C-alpha atoms as a PDB file:
ATOM      1  CA  UNK A   1      50.435 201.326   6.780  1.00  0.00           C
ATOM      2  CA  UNK A   2      47.520 200.413   8.881  1.00  0.00           C
ATOM      3  CA  UNK A   3      44.414 201.795   9.513  1.00  0.00           C
ATOM      4  CA  UNK A   4      41.477 200.687  11.116  1.00  0.00           C
ATOM      5  CA  UNK A   5      38.082 200.823   9.456  1.00  0.00           C
ATOM      6  CA  UNK A   6      34.537 200.429  11.355  1.00  0.00           C
ATOM      7  CA  UNK A   7      32.447 198.751   8.656  1.00  0.00           C
ATOM      8  CA  UNK A   8      29.387 197.342   9.065  1.00  0.00           C
ATOM      9  CA  UNK A   9      30.056 197.639  13.032  1.00  0.00           C
ATOM     10  CA  UNK A  10      32.898 195.995  13.219  1.00  0.00           C
ATOM     11  CA  UNK A  11      36.657 197.133  13.360  1.00  0.00           C
ATOM     12  CA  UNK A  12      39.542 195.792  11.529  1.00  0.00           C
ATOM     13  CA  UNK A  13      42.653 196.418  10.837  1.00  0.00           C
ATOM     14  CA  UNK A  14      44.092 196.800   7.306  1.00  0.00           C
ATOM     15  CA  UNK A  15      47.692 196.828   5.964  1.00  0.00           C
ATOM     16  CA  UNK A  16      46.948 199.620   2.972  1.00  0.00           C
ATOM     17  CA  UNK A  17      49.451 203.122   2.006  1.00  0.00           C
ATOM     18  CA  UNK A  18      46.691 205.713   3.185  1.00  0.00           C
ATOM     19  CA  UNK A  19      45.378 206.781  -0.406  1.00  0.00           C
ATOM     20  CA  UNK A  20      43.969 203.199  -1.360  1.00  0.00           C
ATOM     21  CA  UNK A  21      40.871 203.913  -2.030  1.00  0.00           C
ATOM     22  CA  UNK A  22      37.947 202.309   0.107  1.00  0.00           C
ATOM     23  CA  UNK A  23      36.551 200.265  -2.378  1.00  0.00           C
ATOM     24  CA  UNK A  24      39.574 197.941  -3.066  1.00  0.00           C
ATOM     25  CA  UNK A  25      40.092 198.122   0.590  1.00  0.00           C
ATOM     26  CA  UNK A  26      36.667 196.099   0.839  1.00  0.00           C
ATOM     27  CA  UNK A  27      36.614 193.835  -2.104  1.00  0.00           C
ATOM     28  CA  UNK A  28      40.147 193.604  -2.245  1.00  0.00           C
ATOM     29  CA  UNK A  29      41.827 193.101   1.998  1.00  0.00           C
ATOM     30  CA  UNK A  30      38.578 192.322   3.015  1.00  0.00           C
ATOM     31  CA  UNK A  31      36.789 190.026   0.817  1.00  0.00           C
ATOM     32  CA  UNK A  32      33.562 192.165   0.784  1.00  0.00           C
ATOM     33  CA  UNK A  33      32.720 192.289  -2.924  1.00  0.00           C
ATOM     34  CA  UNK A  34      28.746 193.777  -3.164  1.00  0.00           C
ATOM     35  CA  UNK A  35      30.272 196.543  -3.513  1.00  0.00           C
ATOM     36  CA  UNK A  36      31.097 196.647  -7.327  1.00  0.00           C
ATOM     37  CA  UNK A  37      33.328 198.977  -9.392  1.00  0.00           C
ATOM     38  CA  UNK A  38      32.066 200.957 -12.552  1.00  0.00           C
ATOM     39  CA  UNK A  39      34.236 203.528 -13.319  1.00  0.00           C
ATOM     40  CA  UNK A  40      36.876 204.360 -10.646  1.00  0.00           C
ATOM     41  CA  UNK A  41      35.798 207.886 -10.866  1.00  0.00           C
ATOM     42  CA  UNK A  42      32.901 208.689  -8.971  1.00  0.00           C
ATOM     43  CA  UNK A  43      30.783 208.747 -11.900  1.00  0.00           C
ATOM     44  CA  UNK A  44      28.166 205.793 -12.069  1.00  0.00           C
ATOM     45  CA  UNK A  45      27.376 205.377  -8.809  1.00  0.00           C
ATOM     46  CA  UNK A  46      28.428 201.691  -8.965  1.00  0.00           C
ATOM     47  CA  UNK A  47      30.867 201.905  -5.295  1.00  0.00           C
ATOM     48  CA  UNK A  48      28.281 203.547  -3.404  1.00  0.00           C
ATOM     49  CA  UNK A  49      28.613 202.778   0.504  1.00  0.00           C
ATOM     50  CA  UNK A  50      27.607 204.856   3.392  1.00  0.00           C
ATOM     51  CA  UNK A  51      30.029 206.871   5.382  1.00  0.00           C
ATOM     52  CA  UNK A  52      28.693 208.131   8.576  1.00  0.00           C
ATOM     53  CA  UNK A  53      25.011 207.561   6.699  1.00  0.00           C
ATOM     54  CA  UNK A  54      25.871 209.794   3.700  1.00  0.00           C
ATOM     55  CA  UNK A  55      25.993 207.632   0.313  1.00  0.00           C
ATOM     56  CA  UNK A  56      29.918 208.228  -0.962  1.00  0.00           C
ATOM     57  CA  UNK A  57      31.208 206.565  -3.671  1.00  0.00           C
ATOM     58  CA  UNK A  58      34.358 204.198  -2.320  1.00  0.00           C
ATOM     59  CA  UNK A  59      36.193 204.465  -5.425  1.00  0.00           C
ATOM     60  CA  UNK A  60      37.549 207.991  -4.397  1.00  0.00           C
ATOM     61  CA  UNK A  61      37.570 207.569  -0.901  1.00  0.00           C
ATOM     62  CA  UNK A  62      40.847 207.237   0.109  1.00  0.00           C
ATOM     63  CA  UNK A  63      41.230 204.814   3.287  1.00  0.00           C
ATOM     64  CA  UNK A  64      43.227 207.699   5.164  1.00  0.00           C
ATOM     65  CA  UNK A  65      40.057 210.081   5.050  1.00  0.00           C
ATOM     66  CA  UNK A  66      37.860 208.053   7.264  1.00  0.00           C
ATOM     67  CA  UNK A  67      39.370 208.691  10.442  1.00  0.00           C
ATOM     68  CA  UNK A  68      36.591 206.338  12.655  1.00  0.00           C
ATOM     69  CA  UNK A  69      33.767 206.842  10.538  1.00  0.00           C
ATOM     70  CA  UNK A  70      31.399 204.126  10.369  1.00  0.00           C
ATOM     71  CA  UNK A  71      30.968 202.861   7.078  1.00  0.00           C
ATOM     72  CA  UNK A  72      27.934 200.705   5.799  1.00  0.00           C
ATOM     73  CA  UNK A  73      28.160 198.267   3.067  1.00  0.00           C
ATOM     74  CA  UNK A  74      25.364 196.796   0.671  1.00  0.00           C
ATOM     75  CA  UNK A  75      26.438 193.470   2.809  1.00  0.00           C
ATOM     76  CA  UNK A  76      24.387 195.283   6.240  1.00  0.00           C
ATOM     77  CA  UNK A  77      22.325 197.870   4.240  1.00  0.00           C
ATOM     78  CA  UNK A  78      19.547 195.409   5.363  1.00  0.00           C
ATOM     79  CA  UNK A  79      19.792 195.824   8.929  1.00  0.00           C
ATOM     80  CA  UNK A  80      19.037 199.369   8.795  1.00  0.00           C
ATOM     81  CA  UNK A  81      15.238 200.084   8.636  1.00  0.00           C
ATOM     82  CA  UNK A  82      15.428 202.163   5.808  1.00  0.00           C
ATOM     83  CA  UNK A  83      17.745 199.609   4.022  1.00  0.00           C
ATOM     84  CA  UNK A  84      15.552 196.640   4.957  1.00  0.00           C
ATOM     85  CA  UNK A  85      12.828 198.727   3.259  1.00  0.00           C
ATOM     86  CA  UNK A  86      14.187 199.534   0.140  1.00  0.00           C
ATOM     87  CA  UNK A  87      15.331 195.438  -0.336  1.00  0.00           C
ATOM     88  CA  UNK A  88      11.826 194.586   0.103  1.00  0.00           C
ATOM     89  CA  UNK A  89      10.129 197.190  -2.092  1.00  0.00           C
ATOM     90  CA  UNK A  90      13.417 196.091  -4.832  1.00  0.00           C
ATOM     91  CA  UNK A  91      11.988 192.653  -4.734  1.00  0.00           C
ATOM     92  CA  UNK A  92       8.475 193.402  -4.632  1.00  0.00           C
ATOM     93  CA  UNK A  93       9.059 196.107  -8.028  1.00  0.00           C
ATOM     94  CA  UNK A  94      11.253 193.370  -9.705  1.00  0.00           C
ATOM     95  CA  UNK A  95      13.751 196.468 -10.456  1.00  0.00           C
ATOM     96  CA  UNK A  96      16.904 193.864 -10.751  1.00  0.00           C
ATOM     97  CA  UNK A  97      17.895 193.144 -14.169  1.00  0.00           C
ATOM     98  CA  UNK A  98      21.013 192.403 -14.811  1.00  0.00           C
ATOM     99  CA  UNK A  99      21.766 193.624 -11.499  1.00  0.00           C
ATOM    100  CA  UNK A 100      25.540 195.150 -11.538  1.00  0.00           C
ATOM    101  CA  UNK A 101      24.357 198.558 -10.420  1.00  0.00           C
ATOM    102  CA  UNK A 102      22.087 197.935  -8.137  1.00  0.00           C
ATOM    103  CA  UNK A 103      24.361 197.515  -4.401  1.00  0.00           C
ATOM    104  CA  UNK A 104      25.370 200.975  -5.296  1.00  0.00           C
ATOM    105  CA  UNK A 105      21.891 201.969  -6.362  1.00  0.00           C
ATOM    106  CA  UNK A 106      20.176 200.272  -3.298  1.00  0.00           C
ATOM    107  CA  UNK A 107      22.297 202.123  -0.757  1.00  0.00           C
ATOM    108  CA  UNK A 108      21.877 205.452  -2.714  1.00  0.00           C
ATOM    109  CA  UNK A 109      18.107 205.178  -2.166  1.00  0.00           C
ATOM    110  CA  UNK A 110      18.326 203.910   1.586  1.00  0.00           C
ATOM    111  CA  UNK A 111      20.639 207.108   2.355  1.00  0.00           C
ATOM    112  CA  UNK A 112      18.008 208.935   0.496  1.00  0.00           C
ATOM    113  CA  UNK A 113      14.929 207.413   2.797  1.00  0.00           C
ATOM    114  CA  UNK A 114      17.510 207.730   5.709  1.00  0.00           C
ATOM    115  CA  UNK A 115      17.507 210.889   5.455  1.00  0.00           C
ATOM    116  CA  UNK A 116      14.053 212.381   3.624  1.00  0.00           C
ATOM    117  CA  UNK A 117      11.313 209.420   4.737  1.00  0.00           C
ATOM    118  CA  UNK A 118       8.658 210.973   2.089  1.00  0.00           C
ATOM    119  CA  UNK A 119      11.060 212.352  -0.428  1.00  0.00           C
ATOM    120  CA  UNK A 120       9.417 214.078  -3.617  1.00  0.00           C
ATOM    121  CA  UNK A 121      10.042 212.861  -7.084  1.00  0.00           C
ATOM    122  CA  UNK A 122      13.001 215.875  -7.116  1.00  0.00           C
ATOM    123  CA  UNK A 123      14.314 214.653  -4.438  1.00  0.00           C
ATOM    124  CA  UNK A 124      14.370 211.178  -5.882  1.00  0.00           C
ATOM    125  CA  UNK A 125      16.141 212.414  -8.504  1.00  0.00           C
ATOM    126  CA  UNK A 126      18.802 214.808  -7.073  1.00  0.00           C
ATOM    127  CA  UNK A 127      19.676 211.368  -4.897  1.00  0.00           C
ATOM    128  CA  UNK A 128      20.004 209.170  -7.768  1.00  0.00           C
ATOM    129  CA  UNK A 129      21.004 211.115 -10.765  1.00  0.00           C
ATOM    130  CA  UNK A 130      24.904 209.801 -10.194  1.00  0.00           C
ATOM    131  CA  UNK A 131      23.719 206.406 -10.401  1.00  0.00           C
ATOM    132  CA  UNK A 132      23.479 204.719 -13.595  1.00  0.00           C
ATOM    133  CA  UNK A 133      22.118 201.768 -14.979  1.00  0.00           C
ATOM    134  CA  UNK A 134      22.984 200.984 -17.910  1.00  0.00           C
ATOM    135  CA  UNK A 135      19.561 198.095 -18.681  1.00  0.00           C
ATOM    136  CA  UNK A 136      17.258 201.421 -17.924  1.00  0.00           C
ATOM    137  CA  UNK A 137      15.329 199.923 -14.928  1.00  0.00           C
ATOM    138  CA  UNK A 138      15.336 203.745 -13.671  1.00  0.00           C
ATOM    139  CA  UNK A 139      11.199 203.755 -13.851  1.00  0.00           C
ATOM    140  CA  UNK A 140      10.934 200.617 -11.293  1.00  0.00           C
ATOM    141  CA  UNK A 141      13.849 202.394  -9.436  1.00  0.00           C
ATOM    142  CA  UNK A 142      11.622 205.331  -8.682  1.00  0.00           C
ATOM    143  CA  UNK A 143       8.725 202.935  -8.091  1.00  0.00           C
ATOM    144  CA  UNK A 144      10.551 201.107  -5.507  1.00  0.00           C
ATOM    145  CA  UNK A 145      12.067 204.066  -3.937  1.00  0.00           C
ATOM    146  CA  UNK A 146       8.136 205.309  -3.763  1.00  0.00           C
ATOM    147  CA  UNK A 147       6.906 202.163  -1.920  1.00  0.00           C
ATOM    148  CA  UNK A 148       9.556 201.934   0.650  1.00  0.00           C
ATOM    149  CA  UNK A 149       8.728 205.957   1.772  1.00  0.00           C
ATOM    150  CA  UNK A 150       5.132 204.677   2.042  1.00  0.00           C
ATOM    151  CA  UNK A 151       4.449 203.813   5.897  1.00  0.00           C
ATOM    152  CA  UNK A 152       4.015 200.365   6.944  1.00  0.00           C
ATOM    153  CA  UNK A 153       0.999 198.545   7.250  1.00  0.00           C
ATOM    154  CA  UNK A 154      -0.425 197.091   9.981  1.00  0.00           C
ATOM    155  CA  UNK A 155      -2.118 193.878   9.778  1.00  0.00           C
ATOM    156  CA  UNK A 156      -5.636 193.439  11.209  1.00  0.00           C
ATOM    157  CA  UNK A 157      -5.413 191.116  14.097  1.00  0.00           C
ATOM    158  CA  UNK A 158      -7.911 189.093  15.455  1.00  0.00           C
END
């Protein structure tokens, strides 16, 4: 069956079964491979994307459930204010080790900061608790989120 999905501001028509997970539409049909497959049961967070701004596990989200929702993937998160700040902080804090989980981590962090620009440690824990990092970079992830939550510093001009 044909479905129309809006991903990163562009509308795509895909011919897939309605129960096809969004993850496979992204990766196999559209060639957007930044979103990763981890567990397939929404437990690890590697497949996190935004659906209407909310962090969503694409491995268990059937394409038929999207109904015109706006989907943002790691390929476009840097075009959002929160996403750009998170990506910069990730680089500044050298968060990435193996990198496999990082697209999902970044997507979860960007959704958190878009909804709550000044998260507490508890807010960070709650938002990130479903994202697993086998390399254990949790300390750097927390530092990067805290950095991204800081107001931008204004440069002094002359």
